[in-house]
Amino acid sequence: MTSSPTSGPARQRARNKGLAWVSAITLGAGAASAVGAAAIAVLLPNHNIATSSQTSSAANASTNPAKASALQAGTAPATSNLTPVATTGAS
């Protein structure tokens, strides 16, 4: 019978060392993506400001008929001779 060049405990230590390295890489990649996601969220334009001003304009128009008529004074979009294009449900 031939014995293995390394003992069982030595193989176990080497395996644990390799697993620790992979775990550290995974943790670093996760932290980097969390930081990147936070940076993107900070840099994106804030759409809540526009939404709240549109909501307040609609609320003011419902309480003041003069403002409501001013909001409704816009013209309808022009018609076109273009044929409709099939789209997916997500668009």
PDB file of N, CA and C in Angstrom:
ATOM      1  N   MET A   1       0.826  -1.183   0.000  1.00  0.00           N
ATOM      2  CA  MET A   1       0.000   0.000   0.000  1.00  0.00           C
ATOM      3  C   MET A   1       0.870   1.247   0.000  1.00  0.00           C
ATOM      4  N   THR A   2       0.420   2.225  -0.738  1.00  0.00           N
ATOM      5  CA  THR A   2       1.148   3.488  -0.758  1.00  0.00           C
ATOM      6  C   THR A   2       0.352   4.517   0.030  1.00  0.00           C
ATOM      7  N   SER A   3       1.077   5.297   0.750  1.00  0.00           N
ATOM      8  CA  SER A   3       0.395   6.350   1.516  1.00  0.00           C
ATOM      9  C   SER A   3       0.425   7.648   0.716  1.00  0.00           C
ATOM     10  N   SER A   4      -0.514   8.540   1.022  1.00  0.00           N
ATOM     11  CA  SER A   4      -0.565   9.818   0.309  1.00  0.00           C
ATOM     12  C   SER A   4       0.595  10.702   0.764  1.00  0.00           C
ATOM     13  N   PRO A   5       1.084  11.590  -0.090  1.00  0.00           N
ATOM     14  CA  PRO A   5       2.229  12.422   0.284  1.00  0.00           C
ATOM     15  C   PRO A   5       1.910  13.388   1.427  1.00  0.00           C
ATOM     16  N   THR A   6       0.652  13.753   1.604  1.00  0.00           N
ATOM     17  CA  THR A   6       0.297  14.653   2.700  1.00  0.00           C
ATOM     18  C   THR A   6      -0.702  13.957   3.603  1.00  0.00           C
ATOM     19  N   SER A   7      -0.674  14.313   4.855  1.00  0.00           N
ATOM     20  CA  SER A   7      -1.572  13.683   5.810  1.00  0.00           C
ATOM     21  C   SER A   7      -2.974  14.286   5.718  1.00  0.00           C
ATOM     22  N   GLY A   8      -3.913  13.623   6.341  1.00  0.00           N
ATOM     23  CA  GLY A   8      -5.296  14.091   6.332  1.00  0.00           C
ATOM     24  C   GLY A   8      -5.464  15.476   6.937  1.00  0.00           C
ATOM     25  N   PRO A   9      -4.875  15.744   8.101  1.00  0.00           N
ATOM     26  CA  PRO A   9      -5.024  17.090   8.689  1.00  0.00           C
ATOM     27  C   PRO A   9      -4.385  18.184   7.832  1.00  0.00           C
ATOM     28  N   ALA A  10      -3.295  17.879   7.156  1.00  0.00           N
ATOM     29  CA  ALA A  10      -2.655  18.880   6.281  1.00  0.00           C
ATOM     30  C   ALA A  10      -3.550  19.198   5.089  1.00  0.00           C
ATOM     31  N   ARG A  11      -4.174  18.159   4.539  1.00  0.00           N
ATOM     32  CA  ARG A  11      -5.116  18.395   3.429  1.00  0.00           C
ATOM     33  C   ARG A  11      -6.302  19.228   3.895  1.00  0.00           C
ATOM     34  N   GLN A  12      -6.785  18.949   5.101  1.00  0.00           N
ATOM     35  CA  GLN A  12      -7.928  19.698   5.640  1.00  0.00           C
ATOM     36  C   GLN A  12      -7.565  21.170   5.840  1.00  0.00           C
ATOM     37  N   ARG A  13      -6.374  21.442   6.354  1.00  0.00           N
ATOM     38  CA  ARG A  13      -5.939  22.837   6.537  1.00  0.00           C
ATOM     39  C   ARG A  13      -5.827  23.542   5.190  1.00  0.00           C
ATOM     40  N   ALA A  14      -5.280  22.873   4.183  1.00  0.00           N
ATOM     41  CA  ALA A  14      -5.154  23.467   2.847  1.00  0.00           C
ATOM     42  C   ALA A  14      -6.531  23.741   2.249  1.00  0.00           C
ATOM     43  N   ARG A  15      -7.450  22.811   2.457  1.00  0.00           N
ATOM     44  CA  ARG A  15      -8.817  23.014   1.943  1.00  0.00           C
ATOM     45  C   ARG A  15      -9.481  24.207   2.633  1.00  0.00           C
ATOM     46  N   ASN A  16      -9.338  24.286   3.959  1.00  0.00           N
ATOM     47  CA  ASN A  16      -9.929  25.410   4.692  1.00  0.00           C
ATOM     48  C   ASN A  16      -9.322  26.746   4.270  1.00  0.00           C
ATOM     49  N   LYS A  17      -8.016  26.729   4.004  1.00  0.00           N
ATOM     50  CA  LYS A  17      -7.343  27.954   3.551  1.00  0.00           C
ATOM     51  C   LYS A  17      -7.891  28.383   2.186  1.00  0.00           C
ATOM     52  N   GLY A  18      -8.089  27.425   1.283  1.00  0.00           N
ATOM     53  CA  GLY A  18      -8.654  27.737  -0.029  1.00  0.00           C
ATOM     54  C   GLY A  18     -10.084  28.238   0.066  1.00  0.00           C
ATOM     55  N   LEU A  19     -10.878  27.624   0.949  1.00  0.00           N
ATOM     56  CA  LEU A  19     -12.261  28.071   1.125  1.00  0.00           C
ATOM     57  C   LEU A  19     -12.315  29.476   1.728  1.00  0.00           C
ATOM     58  N   ALA A  20     -11.391  29.778   2.634  1.00  0.00           N
ATOM     59  CA  ALA A  20     -11.344  31.117   3.225  1.00  0.00           C
ATOM     60  C   ALA A  20     -11.018  32.160   2.162  1.00  0.00           C
ATOM     61  N   TRP A  21     -10.112  31.806   1.234  1.00  0.00           N
ATOM     62  CA  TRP A  21      -9.753  32.732   0.161  1.00  0.00           C
ATOM     63  C   TRP A  21     -10.954  33.011  -0.733  1.00  0.00           C
ATOM     64  N   VAL A  22     -11.693  31.965  -1.105  1.00  0.00           N
ATOM     65  CA  VAL A  22     -12.889  32.131  -1.945  1.00  0.00           C
ATOM     66  C   VAL A  22     -13.942  32.946  -1.207  1.00  0.00           C
ATOM     67  N   SER A  23     -14.090  32.701   0.081  1.00  0.00           N
ATOM     68  CA  SER A  23     -15.055  33.449   0.879  1.00  0.00           C
ATOM     69  C   SER A  23     -14.687  34.932   0.939  1.00  0.00           C
ATOM     70  N   ALA A  24     -13.399  35.231   1.086  1.00  0.00           N
ATOM     71  CA  ALA A  24     -12.956  36.627   1.122  1.00  0.00           C
ATOM     72  C   ALA A  24     -13.211  37.321  -0.209  1.00  0.00           C
ATOM     73  N   ILE A  25     -12.971  36.617  -1.317  1.00  0.00           N
ATOM     74  CA  ILE A  25     -13.227  37.187  -2.645  1.00  0.00           C
ATOM     75  C   ILE A  25     -14.719  37.490  -2.808  1.00  0.00           C
ATOM     76  N   THR A  26     -15.558  36.545  -2.389  1.00  0.00           N
ATOM     77  CA  THR A  26     -17.006  36.720  -2.504  1.00  0.00           C
ATOM     78  C   THR A  26     -17.484  37.884  -1.653  1.00  0.00           C
ATOM     79  N   LEU A  27     -16.980  37.985  -0.439  1.00  0.00           N
ATOM     80  CA  LEU A  27     -17.355  39.091   0.444  1.00  0.00           C
ATOM     81  C   LEU A  27     -16.929  40.438  -0.149  1.00  0.00           C
ATOM     82  N   GLY A  28     -15.730  40.487  -0.709  1.00  0.00           N
ATOM     83  CA  GLY A  28     -15.258  41.729  -1.333  1.00  0.00           C
ATOM     84  C   GLY A  28     -16.096  42.133  -2.533  1.00  0.00           C
ATOM     85  N   ALA A  29     -16.476  41.153  -3.353  1.00  0.00           N
ATOM     86  CA  ALA A  29     -17.304  41.458  -4.525  1.00  0.00           C
ATOM     87  C   ALA A  29     -18.687  41.936  -4.096  1.00  0.00           C
ATOM     88  N   GLY A  30     -19.240  41.330  -3.062  1.00  0.00           N
ATOM     89  CA  GLY A  30     -20.551  41.764  -2.560  1.00  0.00           C
ATOM     90  C   GLY A  30     -20.499  43.171  -2.001  1.00  0.00           C
ATOM     91  N   ALA A  31     -19.457  43.485  -1.256  1.00  0.00           N
ATOM     92  CA  ALA A  31     -19.312  44.830  -0.702  1.00  0.00           C
ATOM     93  C   ALA A  31     -19.127  45.863  -1.812  1.00  0.00           C
ATOM     94  N   ALA A  32     -18.347  45.509  -2.827  1.00  0.00           N
ATOM     95  CA  ALA A  32     -18.131  46.438  -3.940  1.00  0.00           C
ATOM     96  C   ALA A  32     -19.428  46.702  -4.696  1.00  0.00           C
ATOM     97  N   SER A  33     -20.252  45.673  -4.896  1.00  0.00           N
ATOM     98  CA  SER A  33     -21.504  45.905  -5.611  1.00  0.00           C
ATOM     99  C   SER A  33     -22.486  46.694  -4.761  1.00  0.00           C
ATOM    100  N   ALA A  34     -22.460  46.530  -3.445  1.00  0.00           N
ATOM    101  CA  ALA A  34     -23.330  47.331  -2.586  1.00  0.00           C
ATOM    102  C   ALA A  34     -22.929  48.809  -2.628  1.00  0.00           C
ATOM    103  N   VAL A  35     -21.635  49.071  -2.615  1.00  0.00           N
ATOM    104  CA  VAL A  35     -21.151  50.451  -2.711  1.00  0.00           C
ATOM    105  C   VAL A  35     -21.508  51.039  -4.076  1.00  0.00           C
ATOM    106  N   GLY A  36     -21.364  50.256  -5.136  1.00  0.00           N
ATOM    107  CA  GLY A  36     -21.719  50.734  -6.475  1.00  0.00           C
ATOM    108  C   GLY A  36     -23.200  51.028  -6.596  1.00  0.00           C
ATOM    109  N   ALA A  37     -24.039  50.170  -6.030  1.00  0.00           N
ATOM    110  CA  ALA A  37     -25.485  50.403  -6.077  1.00  0.00           C
ATOM    111  C   ALA A  37     -25.860  51.660  -5.312  1.00  0.00           C
ATOM    112  N   ALA A  38     -25.227  51.886  -4.181  1.00  0.00           N
ATOM    113  CA  ALA A  38     -25.502  53.099  -3.403  1.00  0.00           C
ATOM    114  C   ALA A  38     -25.066  54.343  -4.177  1.00  0.00           C
ATOM    115  N   ALA A  39     -23.921  54.269  -4.850  1.00  0.00           N
ATOM    116  CA  ALA A  39     -23.450  55.419  -5.633  1.00  0.00           C
ATOM    117  C   ALA A  39     -24.394  55.720  -6.787  1.00  0.00           C
ATOM    118  N   ILE A  40     -24.887  54.683  -7.443  1.00  0.00           N
ATOM    119  CA  ILE A  40     -25.835  54.891  -8.545  1.00  0.00           C
ATOM    120  C   ILE A  40     -27.125  55.501  -8.024  1.00  0.00           C
ATOM    121  N   ALA A  41     -27.618  55.022  -6.892  1.00  0.00           N
ATOM    122  CA  ALA A  41     -28.855  55.551  -6.320  1.00  0.00           C
ATOM    123  C   ALA A  41     -28.707  57.018  -5.950  1.00  0.00           C
ATOM    124  N   VAL A  42     -27.537  57.414  -5.481  1.00  0.00           N
ATOM    125  CA  VAL A  42     -27.312  58.814  -5.113  1.00  0.00           C
ATOM    126  C   VAL A  42     -27.214  59.691  -6.356  1.00  0.00           C
ATOM    127  N   LEU A  43     -26.622  59.175  -7.419  1.00  0.00           N
ATOM    128  CA  LEU A  43     -26.391  59.985  -8.611  1.00  0.00           C
ATOM    129  C   LEU A  43     -27.604  60.088  -9.536  1.00  0.00           C
ATOM    130  N   LEU A  44     -28.569  59.191  -9.401  1.00  0.00           N
ATOM    131  CA  LEU A  44     -29.747  59.250 -10.265  1.00  0.00           C
ATOM    132  C   LEU A  44     -30.596  60.467  -9.938  1.00  0.00           C
ATOM    133  N   PRO A  45     -31.286  61.032 -10.944  1.00  0.00           N
ATOM    134  CA  PRO A  45     -32.147  62.173 -10.652  1.00  0.00           C
ATOM    135  C   PRO A  45     -33.301  61.751  -9.754  1.00  0.00           C
ATOM    136  N   ASN A  46     -33.744  62.674  -8.929  1.00  0.00           N
ATOM    137  CA  ASN A  46     -34.801  62.385  -7.978  1.00  0.00           C
ATOM    138  C   ASN A  46     -36.146  62.651  -8.624  1.00  0.00           C
ATOM    139  N   HIS A  47     -36.890  61.586  -8.932  1.00  0.00           N
ATOM    140  CA  HIS A  47     -38.184  61.734  -9.587  1.00  0.00           C
ATOM    141  C   HIS A  47     -39.300  62.025  -8.590  1.00  0.00           C
ATOM    142  N   ASN A  48     -39.058  61.890  -7.305  1.00  0.00           N
ATOM    143  CA  ASN A  48     -40.089  62.156  -6.314  1.00  0.00           C
ATOM    144  C   ASN A  48     -40.467  63.627  -6.275  1.00  0.00           C
ATOM    145  N   ILE A  49     -39.544  64.507  -6.587  1.00  0.00           N
ATOM    146  CA  ILE A  49     -39.833  65.941  -6.568  1.00  0.00           C
ATOM    147  C   ILE A  49     -40.855  66.275  -7.647  1.00  0.00           C
ATOM    148  N   ALA A  50     -40.656  65.773  -8.871  1.00  0.00           N
ATOM    149  CA  ALA A  50     -41.593  66.042  -9.957  1.00  0.00           C
ATOM    150  C   ALA A  50     -42.951  65.428  -9.663  1.00  0.00           C
ATOM    151  N   THR A  51     -42.967  64.242  -9.099  1.00  0.00           N
ATOM    152  CA  THR A  51     -44.216  63.559  -8.806  1.00  0.00           C
ATOM    153  C   THR A  51     -45.009  64.328  -7.757  1.00  0.00           C
ATOM    154  N   SER A  52     -44.344  64.831  -6.724  1.00  0.00           N
ATOM    155  CA  SER A  52     -45.075  65.547  -5.684  1.00  0.00           C
ATOM    156  C   SER A  52     -45.595  66.884  -6.203  1.00  0.00           C
ATOM    157  N   SER A  53     -44.870  67.560  -7.102  1.00  0.00           N
ATOM    158  CA  SER A  53     -45.374  68.825  -7.635  1.00  0.00           C
ATOM    159  C   SER A  53     -46.541  68.589  -8.573  1.00  0.00           C
ATOM    160  N   GLN A  54     -46.516  67.491  -9.336  1.00  0.00           N
ATOM    161  CA  GLN A  54     -47.644  67.171 -10.197  1.00  0.00           C
ATOM    162  C   GLN A  54     -48.866  66.834  -9.365  1.00  0.00           C
ATOM    163  N   THR A  55     -48.677  66.149  -8.264  1.00  0.00           N
ATOM    164  CA  THR A  55     -49.784  65.791  -7.391  1.00  0.00           C
ATOM    165  C   THR A  55     -50.383  67.042  -6.767  1.00  0.00           C
ATOM    166  N   SER A  56     -49.539  67.981  -6.344  1.00  0.00           N
ATOM    167  CA  SER A  56     -50.069  69.186  -5.733  1.00  0.00           C
ATOM    168  C   SER A  56     -50.785  70.044  -6.772  1.00  0.00           C
ATOM    169  N   SER A  57     -50.335  70.048  -8.034  1.00  0.00           N
ATOM    170  CA  SER A  57     -51.034  70.794  -9.081  1.00  0.00           C
ATOM    171  C   SER A  57     -52.416  70.210  -9.338  1.00  0.00           C
ATOM    172  N   ALA A  58     -52.499  68.888  -9.345  1.00  0.00           N
ATOM    173  CA  ALA A  58     -53.788  68.239  -9.545  1.00  0.00           C
ATOM    174  C   ALA A  58     -54.706  68.502  -8.365  1.00  0.00           C
ATOM    175  N   ALA A  59     -54.162  68.514  -7.144  1.00  0.00           N
ATOM    176  CA  ALA A  59     -54.979  68.788  -5.965  1.00  0.00           C
ATOM    177  C   ALA A  59     -55.478  70.228  -5.990  1.00  0.00           C
ATOM    178  N   ASN A  60     -54.642  71.178  -6.376  1.00  0.00           N
ATOM    179  CA  ASN A  60     -55.065  72.574  -6.460  1.00  0.00           C
ATOM    180  C   ASN A  60     -56.121  72.760  -7.533  1.00  0.00           C
ATOM    181  N   ALA A  61     -56.003  72.037  -8.645  1.00  0.00           N
ATOM    182  CA  ALA A  61     -56.971  72.168  -9.727  1.00  0.00           C
ATOM    183  C   ALA A  61     -58.332  71.637  -9.300  1.00  0.00           C
ATOM    184  N   SER A  62     -58.347  70.600  -8.463  1.00  0.00           N
ATOM    185  CA  SER A  62     -59.640  70.057  -8.041  1.00  0.00           C
ATOM    186  C   SER A  62     -60.350  70.988  -7.070  1.00  0.00           C
ATOM    187  N   THR A  63     -59.616  71.834  -6.333  1.00  0.00           N
ATOM    188  CA  THR A  63     -60.253  72.758  -5.399  1.00  0.00           C
ATOM    189  C   THR A  63     -60.513  74.121  -6.020  1.00  0.00           C
ATOM    190  N   ASN A  64     -59.873  74.453  -7.132  1.00  0.00           N
ATOM    191  CA  ASN A  64     -60.036  75.758  -7.762  1.00  0.00           C
ATOM    192  C   ASN A  64     -60.427  75.546  -9.224  1.00  0.00           C
ATOM    193  N   PRO A  65     -61.701  75.802  -9.596  1.00  0.00           N
ATOM    194  CA  PRO A  65     -62.153  75.571 -10.975  1.00  0.00           C
ATOM    195  C   PRO A  65     -61.383  76.386 -12.012  1.00  0.00           C
ATOM    196  N   ALA A  66     -60.905  77.571 -11.666  1.00  0.00           N
ATOM    197  CA  ALA A  66     -60.159  78.388 -12.634  1.00  0.00           C
ATOM    198  C   ALA A  66     -58.852  77.702 -13.018  1.00  0.00           C
ATOM    199  N   LYS A  67     -58.190  77.121 -12.040  1.00  0.00           N
ATOM    200  CA  LYS A  67     -56.952  76.399 -12.329  1.00  0.00           C
ATOM    201  C   LYS A  67     -57.249  75.129 -13.119  1.00  0.00           C
ATOM    202  N   ALA A  68     -58.383  74.491 -12.843  1.00  0.00           N
ATOM    203  CA  ALA A  68     -58.739  73.269 -13.552  1.00  0.00           C
ATOM    204  C   ALA A  68     -58.942  73.556 -15.036  1.00  0.00           C
ATOM    205  N   SER A  69     -59.603  74.670 -15.360  1.00  0.00           N
ATOM    206  CA  SER A  69     -59.813  74.984 -16.768  1.00  0.00           C
ATOM    207  C   SER A  69     -58.500  75.354 -17.448  1.00  0.00           C
ATOM    208  N   ALA A  70     -57.588  75.963 -16.715  1.00  0.00           N
ATOM    209  CA  ALA A  70     -56.285  76.300 -17.290  1.00  0.00           C
ATOM    210  C   ALA A  70     -55.493  75.034 -17.589  1.00  0.00           C
ATOM    211  N   LEU A  71     -55.628  74.033 -16.735  1.00  0.00           N
ATOM    212  CA  LEU A  71     -54.918  72.781 -16.973  1.00  0.00           C
ATOM    213  C   LEU A  71     -55.511  72.005 -18.143  1.00  0.00           C
ATOM    214  N   GLN A  72     -56.803  72.139 -18.372  1.00  0.00           N
ATOM    215  CA  GLN A  72     -57.463  71.394 -19.428  1.00  0.00           C
ATOM    216  C   GLN A  72     -57.448  72.118 -20.773  1.00  0.00           C
ATOM    217  N   ALA A  73     -56.840  73.299 -20.843  1.00  0.00           N
ATOM    218  CA  ALA A  73     -56.872  74.097 -22.059  1.00  0.00           C
ATOM    219  C   ALA A  73     -55.911  73.593 -23.130  1.00  0.00           C
ATOM    220  N   GLY A  74     -55.090  72.587 -22.857  1.00  0.00           N
ATOM    221  CA  GLY A  74     -54.129  72.081 -23.834  1.00  0.00           C
ATOM    222  C   GLY A  74     -54.814  71.440 -25.028  1.00  0.00           C
ATOM    223  N   THR A  75     -54.097  71.349 -26.132  1.00  0.00           N
ATOM    224  CA  THR A  75     -54.663  70.744 -27.336  1.00  0.00           C
ATOM    225  C   THR A  75     -54.347  69.254 -27.370  1.00  0.00           C
ATOM    226  N   ALA A  76     -55.186  68.522 -28.048  1.00  0.00           N
ATOM    227  CA  ALA A  76     -54.985  67.085 -28.191  1.00  0.00           C
ATOM    228  C   ALA A  76     -53.824  66.819 -29.141  1.00  0.00           C
ATOM    229  N   PRO A  77     -53.165  65.709 -29.022  1.00  0.00           N
ATOM    230  CA  PRO A  77     -52.070  65.394 -29.939  1.00  0.00           C
ATOM    231  C   PRO A  77     -52.584  65.198 -31.365  1.00  0.00           C
ATOM    232  N   ALA A  78     -51.763  65.568 -32.321  1.00  0.00           N
ATOM    233  CA  ALA A  78     -52.151  65.438 -33.722  1.00  0.00           C
ATOM    234  C   ALA A  78     -52.184  63.964 -34.125  1.00  0.00           C
ATOM    235  N   THR A  79     -53.066  63.631 -35.043  1.00  0.00           N
ATOM    236  CA  THR A  79     -53.119  62.260 -35.536  1.00  0.00           C
ATOM    237  C   THR A  79     -52.032  62.059 -36.582  1.00  0.00           C
ATOM    238  N   SER A  80     -51.669  60.821 -36.805  1.00  0.00           N
ATOM    239  CA  SER A  80     -50.648  60.533 -37.797  1.00  0.00           C
ATOM    240  C   SER A  80     -51.135  59.401 -38.694  1.00  0.00           C
ATOM    241  N   ASN A  81     -50.473  59.253 -39.825  1.00  0.00           N
ATOM    242  CA  ASN A  81     -50.808  58.196 -40.769  1.00  0.00           C
ATOM    243  C   ASN A  81     -49.897  56.983 -40.608  1.00  0.00           C
ATOM    244  N   LEU A  82     -49.134  56.932 -39.531  1.00  0.00           N
ATOM    245  CA  LEU A  82     -48.233  55.813 -39.297  1.00  0.00           C
ATOM    246  C   LEU A  82     -49.035  54.594 -38.837  1.00  0.00           C
ATOM    247  N   THR A  83     -48.615  53.434 -39.311  1.00  0.00           N
ATOM    248  CA  THR A  83     -49.287  52.208 -38.896  1.00  0.00           C
ATOM    249  C   THR A  83     -48.827  51.817 -37.493  1.00  0.00           C
ATOM    250  N   PRO A  84     -49.684  51.189 -36.730  1.00  0.00           N
ATOM    251  CA  PRO A  84     -49.289  50.796 -35.383  1.00  0.00           C
ATOM    252  C   PRO A  84     -48.198  49.724 -35.414  1.00  0.00           C
ATOM    253  N   VAL A  85     -47.382  49.721 -34.386  1.00  0.00           N
ATOM    254  CA  VAL A  85     -46.274  48.776 -34.283  1.00  0.00           C
ATOM    255  C   VAL A  85     -46.558  47.851 -33.102  1.00  0.00           C
ATOM    256  N   ALA A  86     -46.396  46.563 -33.320  1.00  0.00           N
ATOM    257  CA  ALA A  86     -46.600  45.602 -32.239  1.00  0.00           C
ATOM    258  C   ALA A  86     -45.495  45.756 -31.211  1.00  0.00           C
ATOM    259  N   THR A  87     -45.872  45.779 -29.950  1.00  0.00           N
ATOM    260  CA  THR A  87     -44.908  45.893 -28.871  1.00  0.00           C
ATOM    261  C   THR A  87     -45.143  44.780 -27.864  1.00  0.00           C
ATOM    262  N   THR A  88     -44.198  44.616 -26.981  1.00  0.00           N
ATOM    263  CA  THR A  88     -44.369  43.620 -25.931  1.00  0.00           C
ATOM    264  C   THR A  88     -45.171  44.239 -24.804  1.00  0.00           C
ATOM    265  N   GLY A  89     -45.614  43.425 -23.896  1.00  0.00           N
ATOM    266  CA  GLY A  89     -46.389  43.923 -22.765  1.00  0.00           C
ATOM    267  C   GLY A  89     -45.586  44.782 -21.827  1.00  0.00           C
ATOM    268  N   ALA A  90     -44.270  44.684 -21.877  1.00  0.00           N
ATOM    269  CA  ALA A  90     -43.417  45.443 -20.957  1.00  0.00           C
ATOM    270  C   ALA A  90     -43.156  46.862 -21.438  1.00  0.00           C
ATOM    271  N   SER A  91     -43.519  47.209 -22.632  1.00  0.00           N
ATOM    272  CA  SER A  91     -43.164  48.538 -23.133  1.00  0.00           C
ATOM    273  C   SER A  91     -44.209  49.575 -22.866  1.00  0.00           C
TER     274      SER A  91
END
